[in-house]
N, C-alpha and C. Protein backbone atom coordinates (compact mmCIF):
# COMPACT_ATOMS: atom_id res chain seq x y z
N MET A 1 -26.70 12.21 -23.53
CA MET A 1 -26.33 11.02 -23.88
C MET A 1 -25.42 10.92 -25.00
N ALA A 2 -24.17 9.75 -24.68
CA ALA A 2 -23.88 10.14 -25.26
C ALA A 2 -23.30 7.97 -25.93
N THR A 3 -23.40 7.98 -26.51
CA THR A 3 -23.72 6.15 -27.22
C THR A 3 -22.36 6.17 -28.57
N HIS A 4 -22.10 4.72 -27.45
CA HIS A 4 -20.52 4.69 -28.16
C HIS A 4 -20.94 3.43 -29.02
N LYS A 5 -20.53 2.51 -30.19
CA LYS A 5 -20.19 1.62 -30.68
C LYS A 5 -19.00 0.85 -30.35
N VAL A 6 -18.37 -0.14 -29.73
CA VAL A 6 -17.11 -1.13 -29.61
C VAL A 6 -17.82 -2.38 -30.26
N THR A 7 -16.42 -2.66 -31.41
CA THR A 7 -16.81 -3.96 -31.30
C THR A 7 -15.37 -4.40 -31.72
N PHE A 8 -15.83 -6.05 -30.51
CA PHE A 8 -14.47 -6.84 -30.98
C PHE A 8 -14.18 -7.52 -31.21
N LEU A 9 -13.03 -8.40 -32.38
CA LEU A 9 -13.17 -9.51 -32.65
C LEU A 9 -11.92 -10.05 -31.97
N PRO A 10 -11.63 -10.95 -32.51
CA PRO A 10 -12.29 -11.46 -33.54
C PRO A 10 -13.45 -12.57 -33.40
N LEU A 11 -14.02 -12.09 -32.22
CA LEU A 11 -15.86 -11.77 -32.41
C LEU A 11 -16.77 -11.19 -33.09
N HIS A 12 -16.38 -9.53 -33.96
CA HIS A 12 -17.43 -9.84 -34.76
C HIS A 12 -18.61 -9.17 -34.18
N VAL A 13 -18.08 -9.04 -32.44
CA VAL A 13 -20.09 -8.68 -31.69
C VAL A 13 -19.15 -7.39 -31.47
N THR A 14 -20.44 -6.36 -31.13
CA THR A 14 -20.32 -5.19 -31.71
C THR A 14 -21.69 -4.70 -30.82
N VAL A 15 -20.95 -3.95 -29.70
CA VAL A 15 -22.35 -3.88 -28.49
C VAL A 15 -22.50 -2.45 -27.99
N GLU A 16 -22.80 -1.01 -28.78
CA GLU A 16 -23.26 -0.01 -27.65
C GLU A 16 -23.59 0.70 -26.65
N VAL A 17 -23.07 1.08 -26.49
CA VAL A 17 -22.25 1.50 -24.47
C VAL A 17 -23.53 2.78 -24.93
N ASP A 18 -23.84 3.39 -23.27
CA ASP A 18 -23.88 4.97 -22.73
C ASP A 18 -23.26 4.91 -21.93
N GLU A 19 -22.06 6.55 -22.21
CA GLU A 19 -21.38 6.54 -21.40
C GLU A 19 -21.93 7.06 -19.88
N ASP A 20 -23.37 7.62 -20.09
CA ASP A 20 -24.16 8.24 -18.78
C ASP A 20 -24.57 6.58 -17.52
N LYS A 21 -24.06 5.45 -18.28
CA LYS A 21 -24.58 4.47 -17.18
C LYS A 21 -23.41 3.81 -16.81
N TYR A 22 -21.76 4.41 -17.43
CA TYR A 22 -20.74 4.24 -17.58
C TYR A 22 -20.59 4.48 -14.70
N PRO A 23 -20.32 3.13 -14.27
CA PRO A 23 -19.93 1.67 -15.16
C PRO A 23 -20.61 1.02 -14.61
N LEU A 24 -21.06 -0.24 -15.68
CA LEU A 24 -21.73 -1.42 -16.42
C LEU A 24 -20.89 -2.06 -15.59
N ALA A 25 -19.77 -2.61 -15.14
CA ALA A 25 -20.07 -4.12 -14.18
C ALA A 25 -18.57 -3.44 -12.77
N ASP A 26 -17.93 -4.17 -12.78
CA ASP A 26 -17.33 -4.32 -11.32
C ASP A 26 -16.46 -4.18 -11.71
N HIS A 27 -15.02 -3.87 -12.74
CA HIS A 27 -13.78 -4.30 -12.56
C HIS A 27 -13.54 -3.39 -13.51
N GLY A 28 -12.24 -3.25 -13.06
CA GLY A 28 -11.43 -2.20 -14.57
C GLY A 28 -12.17 -0.80 -14.14
N ARG A 29 -11.25 0.66 -14.53
CA ARG A 29 -11.61 1.73 -14.42
C ARG A 29 -13.20 2.01 -14.68
N PRO A 30 -14.21 3.08 -14.62
CA PRO A 30 -15.49 2.68 -15.44
C PRO A 30 -15.82 3.19 -17.23
N GLY A 31 -16.07 3.13 -17.36
CA GLY A 31 -16.07 2.83 -18.89
C GLY A 31 -14.87 1.94 -19.15
N SER A 32 -14.27 1.53 -18.66
CA SER A 32 -13.22 0.99 -19.10
C SER A 32 -13.16 -0.89 -20.39
N ILE A 33 -12.72 -0.41 -21.74
CA ILE A 33 -12.84 -1.77 -22.62
C ILE A 33 -13.45 -2.69 -21.65
N LEU A 34 -12.90 -3.01 -20.37
CA LEU A 34 -13.49 -4.45 -19.07
C LEU A 34 -14.46 -3.86 -19.44
N ASP A 35 -14.38 -2.85 -18.34
CA ASP A 35 -16.05 -3.31 -17.68
C ASP A 35 -17.16 -3.10 -18.87
N ILE A 36 -17.41 -2.10 -20.67
CA ILE A 36 -18.25 -2.51 -20.99
C ILE A 36 -18.41 -4.18 -21.07
N ALA A 37 -16.65 -5.17 -21.95
CA ALA A 37 -16.66 -6.21 -22.05
C ALA A 37 -17.60 -7.36 -21.19
N LEU A 38 -16.75 -6.98 -19.80
CA LEU A 38 -18.05 -8.28 -18.95
C LEU A 38 -19.09 -7.39 -18.65
N ALA A 39 -19.81 -6.34 -18.98
CA ALA A 39 -21.13 -6.22 -19.22
C ALA A 39 -22.34 -6.25 -20.02
N ASN A 40 -20.95 -6.84 -20.95
CA ASN A 40 -22.02 -7.25 -22.61
C ASN A 40 -21.50 -8.86 -22.60
N ASN A 41 -21.15 -9.59 -21.10
CA ASN A 41 -20.68 -10.85 -21.38
C ASN A 41 -19.61 -11.87 -22.62
N ILE A 42 -18.87 -10.63 -22.93
CA ILE A 42 -17.69 -11.21 -22.89
C ILE A 42 -16.36 -11.71 -22.83
N ARG A 43 -16.08 -12.41 -23.55
CA ARG A 43 -14.84 -13.08 -22.15
C ARG A 43 -13.32 -12.19 -22.78
N LEU A 44 -13.39 -11.03 -21.67
CA LEU A 44 -11.70 -10.81 -21.72
C LEU A 44 -10.89 -10.76 -20.21
N GLU A 45 -9.89 -11.81 -20.47
CA GLU A 45 -9.55 -12.08 -19.26
C GLU A 45 -9.07 -10.39 -18.07
N HIS A 46 -8.85 -11.25 -16.35
CA HIS A 46 -8.53 -9.84 -16.34
C HIS A 46 -7.89 -10.58 -14.69
N ASN A 47 -7.26 -11.39 -14.49
CA ASN A 47 -6.74 -12.27 -13.36
C ASN A 47 -6.36 -11.31 -12.09
N CYS A 48 -6.24 -10.08 -12.15
CA CYS A 48 -5.44 -8.73 -11.53
C CYS A 48 -6.54 -8.36 -11.40
N GLY A 49 -8.01 -8.01 -11.33
CA GLY A 49 -9.32 -7.60 -11.18
C GLY A 49 -9.89 -6.11 -11.75
N GLY A 50 -8.57 -6.10 -12.47
CA GLY A 50 -8.64 -5.01 -13.60
C GLY A 50 -8.31 -3.57 -12.40
N ALA A 51 -6.80 -4.09 -11.65
CA ALA A 51 -6.38 -3.38 -10.85
C ALA A 51 -4.40 -2.97 -11.91
N CYS A 52 -4.64 -2.63 -13.53
CA CYS A 52 -3.39 -1.94 -13.53
C CYS A 52 -2.14 -3.13 -13.02
N ALA A 53 -2.73 -5.22 -12.19
CA ALA A 53 -1.37 -5.39 -12.08
C ALA A 53 -1.55 -6.63 -13.38
N CYS A 54 -1.77 -6.67 -14.04
CA CYS A 54 -1.19 -7.60 -15.37
C CYS A 54 -1.28 -7.09 -16.21
N THR A 55 -1.39 -8.38 -17.39
CA THR A 55 -2.03 -7.29 -18.70
C THR A 55 -2.81 -8.41 -19.24
N THR A 56 -3.24 -9.55 -18.72
CA THR A 56 -3.92 -10.43 -18.71
C THR A 56 -5.12 -10.22 -20.06
N CYS A 57 -5.83 -8.86 -19.78
CA CYS A 57 -6.66 -7.93 -20.53
C CYS A 57 -6.15 -7.31 -21.73
N HIS A 58 -5.24 -7.43 -22.42
CA HIS A 58 -4.73 -6.58 -23.70
C HIS A 58 -5.37 -6.23 -24.64
N VAL A 59 -5.20 -5.51 -24.54
CA VAL A 59 -6.64 -5.28 -26.14
C VAL A 59 -4.94 -5.07 -27.27
N ILE A 60 -5.40 -4.79 -29.25
CA ILE A 60 -5.08 -4.31 -29.75
C ILE A 60 -6.22 -3.80 -30.60
N VAL A 61 -5.56 -1.99 -30.34
CA VAL A 61 -6.60 -0.96 -30.78
C VAL A 61 -6.65 -0.54 -32.54
N ARG A 62 -7.51 -1.61 -33.75
CA ARG A 62 -7.69 -1.36 -35.02
C ARG A 62 -7.94 -0.24 -35.79
N GLU A 63 -9.08 0.22 -34.25
CA GLU A 63 -9.28 1.33 -35.89
C GLU A 63 -10.30 2.65 -34.04
N GLY A 64 -10.33 3.62 -33.85
CA GLY A 64 -10.27 4.60 -32.57
C GLY A 64 -9.54 4.57 -31.98
N GLU A 65 -8.47 4.93 -32.38
CA GLU A 65 -7.19 4.98 -30.51
C GLU A 65 -7.79 6.38 -30.43
N GLY A 66 -8.20 7.60 -31.00
CA GLY A 66 -8.36 8.70 -30.62
C GLY A 66 -10.01 8.39 -29.51
N ASN A 67 -10.21 7.67 -29.98
CA ASN A 67 -11.24 7.74 -28.76
C ASN A 67 -11.57 6.57 -28.04
N LEU A 68 -9.88 7.19 -27.54
CA LEU A 68 -9.77 6.08 -25.48
C LEU A 68 -8.90 7.11 -24.70
N SER A 69 -9.03 7.10 -23.64
CA SER A 69 -8.94 7.68 -22.85
C SER A 69 -6.88 8.00 -22.61
N PRO A 70 -6.40 8.67 -22.66
CA PRO A 70 -4.90 8.85 -22.31
C PRO A 70 -4.22 7.95 -22.16
N MET A 71 -3.68 7.09 -22.77
CA MET A 71 -2.96 6.23 -21.45
C MET A 71 -1.72 6.69 -20.33
N GLU A 72 -1.28 6.31 -19.99
CA GLU A 72 -1.27 7.04 -18.06
C GLU A 72 0.08 6.02 -17.95
N ALA A 73 1.43 6.96 -17.21
CA ALA A 73 2.19 6.20 -16.57
C ALA A 73 2.06 4.63 -16.39
N ASP A 74 0.81 4.19 -15.51
CA ASP A 74 1.03 2.66 -14.92
C ASP A 74 1.03 1.58 -15.79
N GLU A 75 -0.31 3.13 -17.00
CA GLU A 75 -0.93 1.62 -18.07
C GLU A 75 0.09 1.38 -18.55
N GLU A 76 1.69 2.50 -19.15
CA GLU A 76 3.01 2.21 -20.94
C GLU A 76 3.57 0.99 -19.30
N ASP A 77 3.63 1.32 -18.46
CA ASP A 77 4.74 0.38 -17.97
C ASP A 77 5.00 -1.00 -17.56
N ARG A 78 3.66 -1.65 -17.25
CA ARG A 78 3.21 -2.52 -17.17
C ARG A 78 2.66 -3.61 -18.39
N LEU A 79 2.12 -2.29 -19.70
CA LEU A 79 2.07 -2.82 -21.13
C LEU A 79 3.34 -3.26 -21.26
N ASP A 80 4.19 -2.95 -20.97
CA ASP A 80 5.72 -3.28 -21.95
C ASP A 80 5.95 -4.85 -21.29
N THR A 81 5.33 -5.68 -20.24
CA THR A 81 5.56 -6.68 -20.28
C THR A 81 4.17 -7.37 -21.28
N ALA A 82 3.69 -6.91 -21.80
CA ALA A 82 2.63 -7.81 -22.04
C ALA A 82 3.28 -8.28 -23.13
N GLU A 83 2.46 -10.46 -23.52
CA GLU A 83 2.79 -11.06 -24.67
C GLU A 83 2.09 -10.13 -26.19
N GLY A 84 2.41 -10.03 -26.90
CA GLY A 84 2.27 -9.57 -28.72
C GLY A 84 2.39 -8.25 -28.06
N LEU A 85 3.34 -7.34 -27.79
CA LEU A 85 2.65 -5.73 -27.75
C LEU A 85 2.77 -5.51 -28.34
N THR A 86 1.98 -4.13 -29.49
CA THR A 86 1.94 -3.57 -30.32
C THR A 86 2.53 -2.71 -30.25
N LEU A 87 2.27 -0.93 -31.27
CA LEU A 87 2.08 0.02 -31.09
C LEU A 87 0.24 1.02 -30.36
N HIS A 88 -0.47 -0.23 -31.01
CA HIS A 88 -1.71 0.00 -30.94
C HIS A 88 -2.77 -0.44 -29.89
N SER A 89 -1.30 -1.63 -29.02
CA SER A 89 -1.87 -1.94 -27.67
C SER A 89 -3.04 -1.26 -26.64
N ARG A 90 -3.65 -2.23 -26.10
CA ARG A 90 -4.29 -1.30 -24.22
C ARG A 90 -4.29 -1.70 -23.22
N LEU A 91 -4.41 -1.60 -21.97
CA LEU A 91 -4.99 -2.94 -21.52
C LEU A 91 -6.45 -2.25 -21.48
N GLY A 92 -7.02 -3.33 -21.15
CA GLY A 92 -9.38 -2.78 -21.51
C GLY A 92 -9.49 -2.68 -19.75
N CYS A 93 -8.59 -2.84 -18.89
CA CYS A 93 -8.92 -1.85 -17.05
C CYS A 93 -8.72 -0.98 -17.77
N GLN A 94 -7.23 -0.07 -18.13
CA GLN A 94 -8.12 1.40 -17.92
C GLN A 94 -8.25 2.43 -19.50
N ALA A 95 -8.32 1.30 -20.44
CA ALA A 95 -8.60 2.69 -21.74
C ALA A 95 -10.69 2.38 -21.38
N VAL A 96 -10.57 3.84 -20.53
CA VAL A 96 -12.07 4.47 -20.89
C VAL A 96 -12.44 4.87 -22.69
N VAL A 97 -13.91 3.79 -23.02
CA VAL A 97 -14.19 4.36 -24.01
C VAL A 97 -14.26 5.98 -24.70
N ARG A 98 -14.75 6.36 -25.58
CA ARG A 98 -15.26 8.47 -25.36
C ARG A 98 -15.26 8.17 -26.72
N GLY A 99 -15.71 6.84 -27.16
CA GLY A 99 -16.65 6.80 -28.96
C GLY A 99 -16.26 5.60 -29.76
N ASP A 100 -16.86 5.11 -30.81
CA ASP A 100 -16.66 4.39 -31.43
C ASP A 100 -15.61 3.93 -31.55
N VAL A 101 -15.50 2.01 -31.43
CA VAL A 101 -13.94 1.72 -31.36
C VAL A 101 -14.09 -0.12 -31.94
N VAL A 102 -12.72 -0.10 -32.10
CA VAL A 102 -12.94 -1.48 -33.13
C VAL A 102 -11.67 -1.95 -32.12
N LEU A 103 -11.47 -2.82 -31.54
CA LEU A 103 -10.44 -3.76 -30.73
C LEU A 103 -10.35 -5.44 -30.94
N GLU A 104 -9.19 -5.54 -31.69
CA GLU A 104 -9.65 -7.78 -31.07
C GLU A 104 -8.38 -7.60 -30.45
N ILE A 105 -8.24 -8.64 -29.12
CA ILE A 105 -8.81 -9.63 -28.04
C ILE A 105 -8.07 -10.53 -28.45
N PRO A 106 -6.76 -10.31 -28.04
CA PRO A 106 -5.20 -11.16 -28.99
C PRO A 106 -5.37 -12.48 -28.24
N LYS A 107 -5.26 -14.10 -28.60
CA LYS A 107 -5.01 -15.10 -28.69
C LYS A 107 -4.10 -15.46 -27.30
């Protein structure tokens, strides 16, 4: 059993997740930031339903970037259109949590 802590800023909400229980919700990849957020009643926009077709689930990784799945080409291409893009940006629907992370949901 592998449990991880995921902190969502600016909400200052930390949830603990068990990766053996992925998927938690029904949007995005199983165990993705979006999956975890929705399962814990944390509002994270997702206009395309978690299909990597928009950028509304854009988050900025503040800590634990290495604890997320590697970015694939389709996510990287889509992120190029995200408002407020940083070097630490990820799409919540695509980044699967594999360890403790701290994330910022941009305004």
